[in-house]
Amino acid sequence: MRDKIILFAMTFLMATPILNAQDDINAITTAAPFLLITPDGRAGGMGDVGVATSPDFNAQHHNPAKAAFSDTQFAVGINFTPWMRELVNDVYLGGISVSNKLNERSAWAASFKYFTLGEIQLTDINGEPITKEKPNELAIDGTYALKLSESFSMGVTLRYIRSDFALKVQNSELRAVNSFGVDISGYYESEEANYGDFNGVFRGGFNISNIGPKVSYVDGGKENFIPTNLRLGGGFDFIFDDYNKVGLTLETSKLLVPTPPNDFDNSVGFAEGIFSSFSDAPGGFSEEMKEFTWAIGAEYLYNESFALRTGYFHESKIKGARQFFTLGAGFKFKSTNIDISYLFNASDINNPLENTLRFSLGFNLGDSYDY
């Protein structure tokens, strides 16, 4: 029982902010929720939008299909995101991503993501130290993306997932979880057209991520859904001249897993759970609509070398209450990009990223593609 309580505390803190005790709260929790954390400074500065923004180093997380529209032959991205920094200093999400254009129509991409809960000292019933644990989770994935036309591409991603909360103590019931997930994504980018005083480009995208089987942290215990997630978005780039561009992006997302208490039914498989997630909320249609988050992001880009960003993210109070504003900036020096972002909490509920800077580095290598 003690092991189960520790596990619940870990996964709940990772999945959602700390919630007040209210009768109508019905937040959805999943296994391996670290897969949903936005890892990079660019999206972090625009309210976590990314499914329909222009291609960059971190398309693998937001929309892998964008890799086919990359304007560089080979790109590498490195990310670091502190987690709950106001409480601890050794919990963080880190990762690296790479993408490579095979030709003008196709590309492959891959990424590695690592989340650690830091070092945890375990004690016995008398408070005496037993051992130290370092719970962690990781994911490794690969993508093939192909342009089906001059303006639309699709991507297929396969992901290995490991979630290790197992405790190396006697009679522990917890075990490490190994699983897999699949992403299906699409990206649209129009030709640049003139609209009077400015030119413009329309963008759109979708990503159904982490489609995969249920997992259990305890032998014979409750099976948990991994965070299968739907993201839809659209945007427009205002191109005023060769030096000044403003991009606006609107995005919505929804977890494609059953709403509690339906998620406790072990007989419901992951495929059935995806379809039932649109109609199983106890509160009916109104609660189903509250399971959609929405976000808006803006980016001003000067001379392809300096960027200012801002955004807002909104989640219903009964589904997690994540509501925050973001600011960010980006700098490009030859083939190197640096992105940073900062989050301002707009909710009464604590946010694990409050007062935290997120950092990203990107490297453009190889030849450039000019569409």
Protein backbone atom coordinates (compact mmCIF):
# COMPACT_ATOMS: atom_id res chain seq x y z
CA MET A 1 0.00 0.00 0.00
CA ARG A 2 2.80 2.39 0.85
CA ASP A 3 4.33 1.80 -2.59
CA LYS A 4 1.03 2.56 -4.29
CA ILE A 5 0.65 5.83 -2.41
CA ILE A 6 4.14 6.92 -3.46
CA LEU A 7 3.40 6.02 -7.07
CA PHE A 8 0.11 7.90 -7.07
CA ALA A 9 1.75 11.00 -5.64
CA MET A 10 4.51 10.92 -8.27
CA THR A 11 2.26 10.44 -11.27
CA PHE A 12 -0.39 12.90 -10.10
CA LEU A 13 2.13 15.69 -9.52
CA MET A 14 3.56 15.10 -12.98
CA ALA A 15 0.22 14.91 -14.75
CA THR A 16 -1.55 17.99 -13.41
CA PRO A 17 -0.99 20.98 -11.17
CA ILE A 18 -2.04 20.70 -7.51
CA LEU A 19 -5.84 20.95 -7.42
CA ASN A 20 -8.14 22.36 -4.79
CA ALA A 21 -10.71 20.02 -3.28
CA GLN A 22 -13.88 20.63 -5.28
CA ASP A 23 -16.67 18.18 -5.93
CA ASP A 24 -16.88 18.89 -9.66
CA ILE A 25 -13.20 18.38 -10.51
CA ASN A 26 -12.77 15.46 -12.88
CA ALA A 27 -9.27 15.76 -14.30
CA ILE A 28 -7.94 13.01 -16.58
CA THR A 29 -4.68 11.38 -15.51
CA THR A 30 -2.55 8.94 -17.49
CA ALA A 31 0.62 6.91 -17.28
CA ALA A 32 3.80 8.60 -18.54
CA PRO A 33 2.34 12.15 -18.61
CA PHE A 34 5.85 13.53 -19.21
CA LEU A 35 5.19 12.82 -22.90
CA LEU A 36 2.88 15.86 -22.97
CA ILE A 37 5.32 18.37 -21.47
CA THR A 38 6.39 21.00 -23.99
CA PRO A 39 10.19 20.63 -24.10
CA ASP A 40 11.40 23.63 -26.07
CA GLY A 41 11.86 27.35 -25.60
CA ARG A 42 10.20 28.42 -28.84
CA ALA A 43 6.80 26.77 -28.22
CA GLY A 44 7.17 27.54 -24.52
CA GLY A 45 7.20 31.24 -25.37
CA MET A 46 4.00 30.99 -27.45
CA GLY A 47 1.58 29.36 -25.01
CA ASP A 48 2.86 25.84 -25.85
CA VAL A 49 1.53 25.97 -29.44
CA GLY A 50 3.51 24.02 -32.01
CA VAL A 51 1.38 21.73 -34.17
CA ALA A 52 0.92 24.38 -36.89
CA THR A 53 3.89 26.71 -36.42
CA SER A 54 6.62 26.88 -39.06
CA PRO A 55 9.08 23.93 -39.05
CA ASP A 56 11.90 24.06 -36.50
CA PHE A 57 14.25 21.83 -34.49
CA ASN A 58 11.50 20.47 -32.23
CA ALA A 59 8.89 19.43 -34.79
CA GLN A 60 9.32 15.85 -33.55
CA HIS A 61 7.40 16.69 -30.35
CA HIS A 62 4.69 18.94 -31.78
CA ASN A 63 4.12 17.68 -35.33
CA PRO A 64 6.61 15.24 -36.89
CA ALA A 65 5.15 15.79 -40.37
CA LYS A 66 6.80 19.23 -40.44
CA ALA A 67 10.20 17.56 -40.94
CA ALA A 68 9.42 17.24 -44.67
CA PHE A 69 9.15 21.05 -44.88
CA SER A 70 12.42 21.76 -43.09
CA ASP A 71 14.58 24.31 -44.93
CA THR A 72 17.85 22.75 -43.80
CA GLN A 73 19.36 19.38 -44.66
CA PHE A 74 20.33 18.37 -41.13
CA ALA A 75 19.22 19.93 -37.83
CA VAL A 76 19.89 19.18 -34.17
CA GLY A 77 17.91 20.50 -31.20
CA ILE A 78 18.81 20.31 -27.48
CA ASN A 79 16.28 21.16 -24.74
CA PHE A 80 16.25 21.62 -20.98
CA THR A 81 13.14 22.30 -18.85
CA PRO A 82 13.34 22.52 -15.04
CA TRP A 83 10.26 21.08 -13.31
CA MET A 84 8.81 22.28 -9.97
CA ARG A 85 11.88 24.50 -9.60
CA GLU A 86 10.34 26.41 -6.66
CA LEU A 87 10.25 23.15 -4.65
CA VAL A 88 13.26 21.11 -5.83
CA ASN A 89 16.32 21.62 -8.00
CA ASP A 90 16.94 18.13 -9.41
CA VAL A 91 13.69 17.44 -11.28
CA TYR A 92 13.84 18.25 -14.98
CA LEU A 93 12.99 17.26 -18.54
CA GLY A 94 15.83 17.10 -21.05
CA GLY A 95 16.16 15.88 -24.58
CA ILE A 96 17.71 15.98 -28.01
CA SER A 97 16.16 15.78 -31.47
CA VAL A 98 17.59 15.40 -34.97
CA SER A 99 16.07 15.68 -38.43
CA ASN A 100 17.53 14.96 -41.86
CA LYS A 101 16.14 15.78 -45.30
CA LEU A 102 16.52 12.80 -47.62
CA ASN A 103 15.45 14.91 -50.58
CA GLU A 104 13.06 17.77 -51.29
CA ARG A 105 10.01 15.61 -50.52
CA SER A 106 10.99 13.35 -47.63
CA ALA A 107 12.82 13.36 -44.31
CA TRP A 108 13.48 11.30 -41.24
CA ALA A 109 13.64 12.54 -37.66
CA ALA A 110 14.32 11.12 -34.22
CA SER A 111 14.36 12.29 -30.62
CA PHE A 112 15.27 11.23 -27.11
CA LYS A 113 13.41 12.59 -24.08
CA TYR A 114 14.38 12.01 -20.44
CA PHE A 115 12.41 13.01 -17.34
CA THR A 116 13.85 12.54 -13.84
CA LEU A 117 12.21 12.98 -10.45
CA GLY A 118 15.60 13.49 -8.87
CA GLU A 119 16.95 11.62 -5.89
CA ILE A 120 14.45 10.35 -3.29
CA GLN A 121 15.56 9.09 0.13
CA LEU A 122 13.50 6.12 1.35
CA THR A 123 13.20 5.37 5.06
CA ASP A 124 11.75 2.59 7.20
CA ILE A 125 8.87 2.94 9.69
CA ASN A 126 11.34 4.31 12.24
CA GLY A 127 12.60 7.02 9.91
CA GLU A 128 15.94 5.31 9.33
CA PRO A 129 17.40 5.61 5.79
CA ILE A 130 17.05 2.50 3.64
CA THR A 131 18.13 3.44 0.15
CA LYS A 132 17.99 6.23 -2.39
CA GLU A 133 15.90 5.96 -5.53
CA LYS A 134 16.04 7.93 -8.78
CA PRO A 135 12.68 7.45 -10.53
CA ASN A 136 12.79 8.41 -14.19
CA GLU A 137 11.01 8.10 -17.50
CA LEU A 138 12.29 8.20 -21.06
CA ALA A 139 11.13 7.98 -24.65
CA ILE A 140 12.97 7.29 -27.92
CA ASP A 141 11.21 7.77 -31.25
CA GLY A 142 11.75 7.87 -34.98
CA THR A 143 9.72 9.43 -37.81
CA TYR A 144 9.40 9.21 -41.57
CA ALA A 145 7.76 12.27 -43.14
CA LEU A 146 6.72 12.65 -46.78
CA LYS A 147 5.31 15.57 -48.80
CA LEU A 148 2.21 14.28 -50.57
CA SER A 149 1.95 17.54 -52.49
CA GLU A 150 3.73 20.87 -52.65
CA SER A 151 1.74 22.10 -49.66
CA PHE A 152 0.90 19.03 -47.51
CA SER A 153 2.94 16.36 -45.75
CA MET A 154 2.25 13.47 -43.40
CA GLY A 155 4.41 11.69 -40.87
CA VAL A 156 4.37 8.35 -39.04
CA THR A 157 6.26 8.01 -35.76
CA LEU A 158 7.10 4.96 -33.64
CA ARG A 159 7.99 5.59 -29.99
CA TYR A 160 9.50 3.41 -27.25
CA ILE A 161 8.38 4.44 -23.74
CA ARG A 162 9.89 3.46 -20.39
CA SER A 163 8.48 4.58 -17.05
CA ASP A 164 10.51 3.39 -14.07
CA PHE A 165 9.04 4.00 -10.61
CA ALA A 166 10.07 0.57 -9.30
CA LEU A 167 11.43 0.64 -5.75
CA LYS A 168 14.42 -1.53 -4.92
CA VAL A 169 13.10 -2.51 -1.50
CA GLN A 170 11.77 -5.77 -0.11
CA ASN A 171 8.17 -6.69 -1.05
CA SER A 172 7.77 -3.76 -3.44
CA GLU A 173 4.88 -4.31 -5.84
CA LEU A 174 5.93 -1.59 -8.27
CA ARG A 175 7.60 -2.46 -11.54
CA ALA A 176 9.05 -0.56 -14.46
CA VAL A 177 6.79 -0.15 -17.47
CA ASN A 178 7.93 -0.65 -21.07
CA SER A 179 5.57 0.19 -23.89
CA PHE A 180 5.30 1.80 -27.31
CA GLY A 181 3.23 4.44 -29.05
CA VAL A 182 2.53 5.61 -32.58
CA ASP A 183 1.97 9.15 -33.90
CA ILE A 184 0.07 10.06 -37.07
CA SER A 185 0.58 13.67 -38.13
CA GLY A 186 -0.06 16.07 -40.97
CA TYR A 187 1.11 19.57 -41.89
CA TYR A 188 -0.11 22.12 -44.44
CA GLU A 189 1.78 25.19 -45.65
CA SER A 190 0.44 27.34 -48.47
CA GLU A 191 2.39 29.19 -51.12
CA GLU A 192 3.27 32.77 -50.23
CA ALA A 193 0.62 35.11 -51.65
CA ASN A 194 0.06 38.86 -51.73
CA TYR A 195 -2.75 40.42 -49.67
CA GLY A 196 -2.32 44.09 -50.49
CA ASP A 197 0.12 45.71 -48.08
CA PHE A 198 1.70 42.40 -47.07
CA ASN A 199 2.31 38.86 -48.19
CA GLY A 200 1.09 35.87 -46.24
CA VAL A 201 1.34 32.12 -45.69
CA PHE A 202 -1.39 29.91 -44.23
CA ARG A 203 -0.40 27.00 -42.01
CA GLY A 204 -2.33 24.08 -40.50
CA GLY A 205 -1.53 20.85 -38.73
CA PHE A 206 -2.72 17.88 -36.70
CA ASN A 207 -1.04 15.24 -34.60
CA ILE A 208 -2.57 12.17 -32.94
CA SER A 209 0.25 11.13 -30.63
CA ASN A 210 1.00 8.19 -28.33
CA ILE A 211 -1.48 5.70 -29.76
CA GLY A 212 -0.61 2.58 -27.83
CA PRO A 213 -1.60 -0.13 -25.33
CA LYS A 214 -2.48 0.35 -21.68
CA VAL A 215 0.13 -0.31 -19.00
CA SER A 216 0.16 -1.30 -15.34
CA TYR A 217 2.69 -0.27 -12.67
CA VAL A 218 1.56 -3.09 -10.35
CA ASP A 219 1.18 -6.75 -11.31
CA GLY A 220 -2.53 -7.50 -11.46
CA GLY A 221 -3.39 -3.88 -10.67
CA LYS A 222 -5.24 -1.14 -12.52
CA GLU A 223 -4.26 -0.65 -16.14
CA ASN A 224 -3.46 2.93 -17.10
CA PHE A 225 -3.86 4.59 -20.48
CA ILE A 226 -0.80 6.27 -21.95
CA PRO A 227 -1.48 9.92 -22.98
CA THR A 228 -2.96 9.49 -26.44
CA ASN A 229 -3.51 13.09 -27.47
CA LEU A 230 -5.14 14.97 -30.35
CA ARG A 231 -3.75 18.37 -31.40
CA LEU A 232 -5.24 20.60 -34.09
CA GLY A 233 -4.04 24.03 -35.12
CA GLY A 234 -3.93 26.72 -37.73
CA GLY A 235 -2.00 29.91 -38.30
CA PHE A 236 -1.04 32.72 -40.61
CA ASP A 237 2.27 34.47 -41.26
CA PHE A 238 2.10 38.19 -42.04
CA ILE A 239 5.18 38.96 -44.18
CA PHE A 240 5.58 42.73 -44.31
CA ASP A 241 8.96 42.85 -46.05
CA ASP A 242 12.26 40.98 -46.24
CA TYR A 243 13.02 41.81 -42.61
CA ASN A 244 9.73 41.79 -40.67
CA LYS A 245 7.32 38.90 -40.18
CA VAL A 246 4.58 38.18 -37.61
CA GLY A 247 3.11 34.71 -37.12
CA LEU A 248 -0.16 34.00 -35.29
CA THR A 249 -1.18 30.45 -34.33
CA LEU A 250 -4.30 29.03 -32.66
CA GLU A 251 -4.31 25.48 -31.30
CA THR A 252 -6.58 23.08 -29.45
CA SER A 253 -5.91 19.66 -27.91
CA LYS A 254 -7.76 16.81 -26.21
CA LEU A 255 -6.68 13.64 -24.45
CA LEU A 256 -8.13 10.62 -26.26
CA VAL A 257 -8.53 8.49 -23.14
CA PRO A 258 -11.68 7.75 -21.13
CA THR A 259 -12.91 10.24 -18.56
CA PRO A 260 -12.94 9.11 -14.91
CA PRO A 261 -14.45 6.91 -13.61
CA ASN A 262 -14.52 5.11 -16.98
CA ASP A 263 -10.72 4.91 -17.04
CA PHE A 264 -10.87 2.35 -14.21
CA ASP A 265 -12.54 -0.23 -16.46
CA ASN A 266 -9.75 -2.68 -17.36
CA SER A 267 -11.94 -4.24 -20.05
CA VAL A 268 -11.77 -1.07 -22.18
CA GLY A 269 -8.86 -1.29 -24.62
CA PHE A 270 -6.85 1.65 -25.89
CA ALA A 271 -8.54 1.68 -29.33
CA GLU A 272 -12.02 1.62 -27.81
CA GLY A 273 -10.91 4.27 -25.32
CA ILE A 274 -9.92 6.65 -28.14
CA PHE A 275 -13.41 6.63 -29.66
CA SER A 276 -15.32 6.54 -26.37
CA SER A 277 -13.34 9.54 -25.10
CA PHE A 278 -15.59 11.83 -27.17
CA SER A 279 -18.81 10.77 -25.46
CA ASP A 280 -18.14 9.28 -22.01
CA ALA A 281 -17.89 12.33 -19.72
CA PRO A 282 -20.33 12.02 -16.77
CA GLY A 283 -21.37 15.64 -17.30
CA GLY A 284 -22.37 15.04 -20.90
CA PHE A 285 -21.57 17.29 -23.86
CA SER A 286 -20.70 20.33 -21.73
CA GLU A 287 -18.02 18.37 -19.87
CA GLU A 288 -16.71 16.88 -23.11
CA MET A 289 -16.14 20.39 -24.46
CA LYS A 290 -14.22 21.30 -21.30
CA GLU A 291 -11.74 18.53 -22.07
CA PHE A 292 -10.45 20.60 -25.01
CA THR A 293 -7.63 22.98 -24.13
CA TRP A 294 -6.93 25.99 -26.33
CA ALA A 295 -3.92 28.21 -26.81
CA ILE A 296 -2.85 31.15 -28.92
CA GLY A 297 0.70 32.19 -29.75
CA ALA A 298 2.38 35.07 -31.57
CA GLU A 299 5.90 35.44 -32.92
CA TYR A 300 7.63 38.51 -34.34
CA LEU A 301 10.69 37.69 -36.42
CA TYR A 302 13.25 40.25 -37.58
CA ASN A 303 15.63 39.40 -40.38
CA GLU A 304 15.41 35.68 -39.55
CA SER A 305 17.81 36.36 -36.67
CA PHE A 306 15.81 37.77 -33.73
CA ALA A 307 12.38 36.78 -32.41
CA LEU A 308 9.96 37.98 -29.73
CA ARG A 309 7.13 35.69 -28.65
CA THR A 310 4.09 35.63 -26.42
CA GLY A 311 1.11 33.36 -25.84
CA TYR A 312 -1.71 32.18 -23.64
CA PHE A 313 -2.84 28.66 -22.69
CA HIS A 314 -6.25 27.77 -21.20
CA GLU A 315 -7.58 24.59 -19.61
CA SER A 316 -10.93 24.20 -17.85
CA LYS A 317 -10.87 24.49 -14.07
CA ILE A 318 -12.40 21.03 -13.69
CA LYS A 319 -9.83 19.40 -16.00
CA GLY A 320 -6.58 20.63 -14.47
CA ALA A 321 -6.94 24.44 -14.43
CA ARG A 322 -3.71 25.15 -16.32
CA GLN A 323 -4.03 28.78 -17.36
CA PHE A 324 -0.93 30.83 -18.07
CA PHE A 325 0.71 33.55 -20.15
CA THR A 326 4.16 33.13 -21.68
CA LEU A 327 6.96 35.30 -23.01
CA GLY A 328 9.93 34.22 -25.07
CA ALA A 329 12.80 35.30 -27.27
CA GLY A 330 15.00 33.73 -29.90
CA PHE A 331 18.41 34.55 -31.33
CA LYS A 332 20.21 33.19 -34.37
CA PHE A 333 23.98 33.36 -34.87
CA LYS A 334 24.99 31.89 -38.22
CA SER A 335 23.95 28.22 -37.87
CA THR A 336 23.05 28.32 -34.14
CA ASN A 337 19.67 29.17 -32.61
CA ILE A 338 19.00 29.98 -28.94
CA ASP A 339 15.44 30.08 -27.59
CA ILE A 340 14.26 30.90 -24.07
CA SER A 341 10.79 31.23 -22.52
CA TYR A 342 9.16 32.22 -19.24
CA LEU A 343 5.74 31.33 -17.83
CA PHE A 344 3.36 33.56 -15.82
CA ASN A 345 0.67 31.60 -14.00
CA ALA A 346 -2.87 32.98 -14.48
CA SER A 347 -4.65 30.40 -12.32
CA ASP A 348 -5.22 29.95 -8.59
CA ILE A 349 -3.69 26.50 -9.03
CA ASN A 350 0.08 26.05 -8.79
CA ASN A 351 1.90 25.36 -12.06
CA PRO A 352 5.08 23.21 -12.06
CA LEU A 353 6.67 25.61 -14.58
CA GLU A 354 5.85 28.82 -12.69
CA ASN A 355 8.80 31.23 -12.54
CA THR A 356 10.87 28.89 -14.69
CA LEU A 357 13.05 29.51 -17.74
CA ARG A 358 13.06 26.94 -20.53
CA PHE A 359 16.11 26.73 -22.82
CA SER A 360 16.65 25.33 -26.31
CA LEU A 361 19.63 25.18 -28.63
CA GLY A 362 19.38 24.44 -32.33
CA PHE A 363 22.02 23.80 -34.96
CA ASN A 364 21.49 24.03 -38.73
CA LEU A 365 23.91 21.75 -40.53
CA GLY A 366 24.28 20.89 -44.19
CA ASP A 367 22.73 22.51 -47.24
CA SER A 368 19.61 24.69 -47.20
CA TYR A 369 16.41 24.03 -49.13
CA ASP A 370 14.65 27.01 -50.68
CA TYR A 371 10.96 26.37 -51.43
